[in-house]
N, C-alpha and C. Protein backbone atom coordinates (compact mmCIF):
# COMPACT_ATOMS: atom_id res chain seq x y z
N SER A 1 0.81 -1.85 -0.15
CA SER A 1 -0.06 0.50 -0.32
C SER A 1 1.30 1.26 0.17
N VAL A 2 1.83 1.40 -0.65
CA VAL A 2 2.69 1.77 -0.74
C VAL A 2 2.76 3.27 -1.59
N LEU A 3 2.66 4.30 -1.98
CA LEU A 3 2.18 4.98 -3.12
C LEU A 3 3.39 5.20 -4.15
N PHE A 4 4.11 6.32 -3.19
CA PHE A 4 5.54 6.84 -4.07
C PHE A 4 6.41 6.61 -2.92
N PRO A 5 7.23 5.79 -3.05
CA PRO A 5 7.96 4.93 -4.36
C PRO A 5 7.79 3.83 -4.29
N LYS A 6 7.29 3.33 -5.02
CA LYS A 6 6.36 1.37 -5.18
C LYS A 6 6.84 0.53 -4.22
N ARG A 7 7.69 0.88 -3.71
CA ARG A 7 8.10 0.22 -2.39
C ARG A 7 9.22 0.96 -0.94
N LEU A 8 9.46 0.18 -0.41
CA LEU A 8 9.79 0.78 0.75
C LEU A 8 11.34 0.37 0.92
N GLY A 9 12.50 1.89 1.66
CA GLY A 9 14.29 0.98 1.54
C GLY A 9 14.23 0.13 1.72
N VAL A 10 15.77 -0.12 1.49
CA VAL A 10 16.17 -1.36 2.64
C VAL A 10 17.38 -0.96 3.15
N PRO A 11 17.73 -1.25 4.79
CA PRO A 11 18.44 -0.93 5.01
C PRO A 11 19.89 -0.76 4.38
N ASP A 12 20.33 -1.75 3.68
CA ASP A 12 21.51 -0.72 2.63
C ASP A 12 21.30 0.47 1.90
N GLU A 13 19.84 1.01 1.76
CA GLU A 13 19.79 1.84 1.31
C GLU A 13 19.78 3.35 2.17
N LEU A 14 19.11 2.50 3.38
CA LEU A 14 19.24 3.80 4.66
C LEU A 14 20.86 4.16 5.44
N ALA A 15 21.90 3.12 5.57
CA ALA A 15 23.06 2.80 5.72
C ALA A 15 23.76 3.47 4.64
N SER A 16 22.88 3.71 3.77
CA SER A 16 23.91 5.12 2.11
C SER A 16 23.88 5.67 2.16
N MET A 17 22.82 6.67 2.87
CA MET A 17 22.16 8.05 3.10
C MET A 17 22.92 8.95 4.70
N VAL A 18 22.92 7.63 6.08
CA VAL A 18 24.04 8.10 6.80
C VAL A 18 24.90 8.50 6.46
N VAL A 19 25.90 7.46 6.02
CA VAL A 19 27.34 7.99 5.34
C VAL A 19 27.45 8.54 4.72
N GLU A 20 26.47 9.81 3.74
CA GLU A 20 27.03 10.84 2.61
C GLU A 20 26.85 11.96 3.90
N CYS A 21 25.88 11.46 4.48
CA CYS A 21 25.82 12.70 5.65
C CYS A 21 26.51 12.74 6.59
N ILE A 22 26.94 12.18 7.13
CA ILE A 22 28.62 12.18 7.94
C ILE A 22 29.86 12.23 6.70
N THR A 23 29.46 12.08 5.96
CA THR A 23 31.08 12.36 4.77
C THR A 23 31.04 13.70 3.91
N ASN A 24 29.60 13.97 3.99
CA ASN A 24 29.50 15.16 2.98
C ASN A 24 29.89 16.74 3.76
N SER A 25 30.78 17.25 3.01
CA SER A 25 31.30 18.13 4.53
C SER A 25 30.17 19.75 3.87
N TYR A 26 28.93 19.44 3.07
CA TYR A 26 27.94 20.86 2.71
C TYR A 26 27.23 20.58 3.64
N MET A 27 26.47 19.13 4.06
CA MET A 27 25.65 18.83 5.11
C MET A 27 26.12 19.00 6.93
N ASN A 28 25.83 20.41 6.99
CA ASN A 28 25.33 21.26 7.95
C ASN A 28 24.19 21.39 8.54
N ALA A 29 23.54 21.29 9.47
CA ALA A 29 22.48 21.29 10.35
C ALA A 29 21.03 21.22 9.43
N GLU A 30 21.28 19.89 8.98
CA GLU A 30 19.87 19.38 8.39
C GLU A 30 18.60 18.38 9.34
N THR A 31 17.96 18.33 8.87
CA THR A 31 16.71 17.38 9.31
C THR A 31 16.47 17.49 7.88
N ILE A 32 17.21 15.37 8.11
CA ILE A 32 16.80 14.83 7.27
C ILE A 32 15.67 13.81 7.03
N ARG A 33 14.35 14.08 7.32
CA ARG A 33 13.34 13.11 7.12
C ARG A 33 13.50 11.52 6.39
N VAL A 34 13.70 10.56 6.67
CA VAL A 34 13.95 8.40 6.51
C VAL A 34 12.23 8.28 6.63
N ASP A 35 11.56 8.65 5.59
CA ASP A 35 10.09 8.67 5.78
C ASP A 35 9.37 7.56 4.49
N GLY A 36 10.76 7.88 3.55
CA GLY A 36 9.97 7.80 2.35
C GLY A 36 8.95 8.66 1.51
N GLY A 37 8.86 9.64 2.23
CA GLY A 37 7.56 10.52 1.71
C GLY A 37 6.41 10.11 2.20
N ILE A 38 6.22 9.27 2.95
CA ILE A 38 4.80 8.61 4.07
C ILE A 38 5.01 9.36 5.25
N ARG A 39 3.91 9.88 5.16
CA ARG A 39 3.94 11.07 6.36
C ARG A 39 3.08 9.79 7.43
N MET A 40 3.29 9.82 8.48
CA MET A 40 2.48 9.39 9.47
C MET A 40 0.81 10.37 9.86
N PRO A 41 0.60 10.16 10.08
CA PRO A 41 -0.85 11.10 10.86
C PRO A 41 -0.51 11.03 12.56
N PRO A 42 -0.16 12.59 13.36
CA PRO A 42 -0.24 12.34 14.58
C PRO A 42 -0.93 11.30 15.30
N LYS A 43 0.02 10.77 16.37
CA LYS A 43 -1.16 9.62 17.24
C LYS A 43 -2.31 10.47 18.31
């Protein structure tokens, strides 16, 4: 039931994003949403 993208991410993809955030010197004080575009409703 995932609309976009057509699948959920896999751990390797998340790990790749984390490595990029750590090694990229241009990343500074950013908030990265790791939800694949899915916005969960508040509880």
